[in-house]
Amino acid sequence: QVQLVESGGGLVQAGGSLRLSCVASRRIVGFKSIDWYRQAPGKERELVATIGYGGNKNYADSAKGRFTISRDNAKNTVYLQMNSLKIEDTAVYYCRAGALLGPTEYWGQGTQVTVSS
């Protein structure tokens, strides 16, 4: 069983920055992709950013130009650097890893990000 542990969330003022971390219990190069999702109160969970097996990156339109996803294979960690945070970025942020083969996916427990005015 793979475990993903997120950290780095917190309370920040609008315009500020946070860096989220997702630490996996096994080598992250063994996943098809690792993604960051978020879910705001009363809203559906949405994809924020993804980094694929080959290092390719994709972002939601809301994250482009402000968020950066990266990984450190030696630390089995994926990061989400969030700059110029907006109040609407307030949500619980989740890390998800997709198995290299098949539909299996793993989720972390989430980390709360709250952006205040």
Protein backbone atom coordinates (compact mmCIF):
# COMPACT_ATOMS: atom_id res chain seq x y z
CA GLN A 1 0.00 0.00 0.00
CA VAL A 2 1.33 3.39 -1.00
CA GLN A 3 1.06 6.30 1.37
CA LEU A 4 1.08 9.94 0.35
CA VAL A 5 1.54 12.62 2.99
CA GLU A 6 0.90 16.26 2.19
CA SER A 7 2.20 19.19 4.18
CA GLY A 8 2.83 22.89 3.83
CA GLY A 9 -0.68 24.23 3.98
CA GLY A 10 -1.69 27.08 6.21
CA LEU A 11 -3.10 30.56 6.44
CA VAL A 12 -1.66 33.21 4.13
CA GLN A 13 -2.71 36.65 2.98
CA ALA A 14 -3.77 37.26 -0.58
CA GLY A 15 -0.71 37.79 -2.74
CA GLY A 16 1.41 35.54 -0.59
CA SER A 17 3.04 32.20 -1.31
CA LEU A 18 3.02 28.67 0.00
CA ARG A 19 4.87 25.53 -0.99
CA LEU A 20 3.06 22.25 -0.58
CA SER A 21 4.89 18.95 -0.34
CA CYS A 22 3.71 15.43 -1.07
CA VAL A 23 5.95 12.67 0.22
CA ALA A 24 5.40 9.17 -1.13
CA SER A 25 6.23 5.95 0.67
CA ARG A 26 7.91 4.58 -2.42
CA ARG A 27 9.86 5.84 -5.43
CA ILE A 28 7.80 8.39 -7.32
CA VAL A 29 9.37 7.44 -10.62
CA GLY A 30 7.22 4.33 -10.41
CA PHE A 31 4.02 6.30 -10.91
CA LYS A 32 2.39 7.27 -14.18
CA SER A 33 1.74 10.74 -12.82
CA ILE A 34 1.46 12.64 -9.58
CA ASP A 35 -1.16 15.32 -9.37
CA TRP A 36 -2.35 18.05 -7.09
CA TYR A 37 -6.10 18.44 -6.68
CA ARG A 38 -8.07 20.81 -4.54
CA GLN A 39 -11.57 20.95 -3.14
CA ALA A 40 -13.20 24.07 -1.85
CA PRO A 41 -16.27 23.94 0.41
CA GLY A 42 -19.37 23.12 -1.58
CA LYS A 43 -17.41 22.51 -4.76
CA GLU A 44 -16.19 19.47 -6.62
CA ARG A 45 -12.60 18.35 -6.42
CA GLU A 46 -10.61 19.81 -9.30
CA LEU A 47 -7.25 19.09 -10.85
CA VAL A 48 -4.70 21.84 -10.25
CA ALA A 49 -1.44 20.50 -11.65
CA THR A 50 0.09 17.26 -12.80
CA ILE A 51 3.58 15.96 -13.45
CA GLY A 52 3.94 12.89 -15.60
CA TYR A 53 6.36 10.00 -15.65
CA GLY A 54 8.54 11.76 -18.18
CA GLY A 55 8.45 15.05 -16.33
CA ASN A 56 5.82 16.72 -18.47
CA LYS A 57 3.71 19.22 -16.59
CA ASN A 58 0.18 20.48 -17.02
CA TYR A 59 -1.80 23.08 -15.14
CA ALA A 60 -5.38 24.14 -14.74
CA ASP A 61 -6.07 27.53 -16.27
CA SER A 62 -6.53 28.93 -12.76
CA ALA A 63 -3.01 27.84 -11.83
CA LYS A 64 -1.07 28.81 -14.95
CA GLY A 65 1.51 31.48 -14.32
CA ARG A 66 1.14 31.29 -10.53
CA PHE A 67 1.70 27.66 -9.52
CA THR A 68 4.64 25.41 -10.30
CA ILE A 69 4.73 21.65 -9.84
CA SER A 70 8.09 19.95 -9.43
CA ARG A 71 9.56 16.79 -8.04
CA ASP A 72 12.63 15.55 -6.23
CA ASN A 73 13.03 11.89 -7.09
CA ALA A 74 15.71 11.36 -4.47
CA LYS A 75 13.30 12.51 -1.76
CA ASN A 76 10.22 10.84 -3.27
CA THR A 77 8.57 14.22 -3.04
CA VAL A 78 6.43 16.34 -5.31
CA TYR A 79 6.02 20.04 -4.63
CA LEU A 80 3.46 22.64 -5.52
CA GLN A 81 4.82 26.16 -5.32
CA MET A 82 1.93 28.58 -5.15
CA ASN A 83 2.56 32.27 -5.68
CA SER A 84 0.25 35.28 -5.92
CA LEU A 85 -2.38 33.42 -3.96
CA LYS A 86 -5.97 34.53 -4.23
CA ILE A 87 -8.89 34.10 -1.87
CA GLU A 88 -10.44 31.69 -4.36
CA ASP A 89 -7.42 29.39 -3.94
CA THR A 90 -8.74 28.51 -0.48
CA ALA A 91 -9.32 24.76 -0.42
CA VAL A 92 -8.06 21.45 0.83
CA TYR A 93 -5.23 20.38 -1.45
CA TYR A 94 -4.74 16.69 -2.15
CA CYS A 95 -1.91 14.74 -3.70
CA ARG A 96 -2.79 11.86 -6.00
CA ALA A 97 -0.55 9.26 -7.60
CA GLY A 98 -1.55 7.09 -10.51
CA ALA A 99 -0.12 3.61 -10.96
CA LEU A 100 2.10 3.07 -13.96
CA LEU A 101 -0.13 0.24 -15.15
CA GLY A 102 -3.84 -0.08 -14.53
CA PRO A 103 -6.38 2.20 -12.87
CA THR A 104 -5.03 2.10 -9.32
CA GLU A 105 -4.64 5.47 -7.68
CA TYR A 106 -3.55 6.67 -4.28
CA TRP A 107 -4.60 9.76 -2.39
CA GLY A 108 -3.18 11.68 0.50
CA GLN A 109 -5.20 13.01 3.40
CA GLY A 110 -5.07 16.62 2.21
CA THR A 111 -3.69 19.86 3.55
CA GLN A 112 -5.73 22.99 4.15
CA VAL A 113 -4.82 26.21 2.38
CA THR A 114 -6.64 29.32 3.50
CA VAL A 115 -6.07 32.65 1.78
CA SER A 116 -7.32 35.73 3.58
CA SER A 117 -7.89 39.27 2.37
